[in-house]
Amino acid sequence: MTNPTPVTFFGRLWRFTKRLTLFATVSAIFVGAAGYFALPVVARTPWAVRQTEKALTRATGTPIQIGDQRWSWKDGLTLRSVSSPEDFRAGSIRITPRYGKLLCGKPRATVVVDAPELTIDEAAPAGLPIRFPRSSKCGMKFDKIEIRDATYVVKSRSSSRPVRIEQISLQGTGKLDRRTFTLDLESVRGSVDGTSITGKGTLRVTPEGFTGELDVNDPAKESATLRDALRAAHVTLKKAPALSEPF
């Protein structure tokens, strides 16, 4: 009968390492599974809704209310009945992360906003500075931003009748880089006083406020109503290039 080979220190260390690795793997699977199924449930609780409202309120400087909040791994985060006192409301806002890019350390997402309405009162005092969330050095990119059936309302000092730009549809891409959010619009559509608007442009949001420039079709470009309404939001219309004089 042969005696068993004594287990060396390194042998015991190897066994311990294998068991520890197995325990860590099993624990990670259970924790991951729990998080996978728990996050959609937690996201719609009143507590989670209040946390999102607080975060948006701190960022925008105005109270934000959310009627309903949902999370799914396919569609991402969906906020419904989003509103602030008097100046903004939206039917829904959906933010879908791109998980593959997140795992590579490149935060990216797509955003879809349905039926938003923004109201600007020229007589109202300026709001508080916008506080953007901290982002990584590479910033955060939005591969697609789509705004559907939006309405923009301006309460003018010189007129008792608000100016309304309706049926607005915007499509483009965006980037949050440090303290500046830039939205490059590939398509702009809307209607003001029966005049159709089509074009493209760039919008920027900084802690100091909102600026931008739009390049729209000629009939809309000649609209004084559109020009005045956009000026209230510090957005200008791109001028047509001057024609050179004939020789």
Foldseek 3Di string as FASTA:
>chain_A
DDDDDDQDPVNVVVVVVVVVVVVVVVVVVVVVVCCQVVVQVVCFDPVNQVVVQVVVCQQFVFGKHFPTWGAHLVFGIKTAFIDTPPFKTFGMKTWHWDVVCVVVVATEIAIETEAMEGEAELPDDDGAFGHDDDDDQVFYKYQKYKYFFYKYWYCDPVDNDIWIKTGWIWMFMWTGHGFKIKTWTPWIWTDGPRDIWIWTWMWMQGRVFIAIETEIDDVVLPDPSVQVSVVSRNYHYDDDDDDDDDD
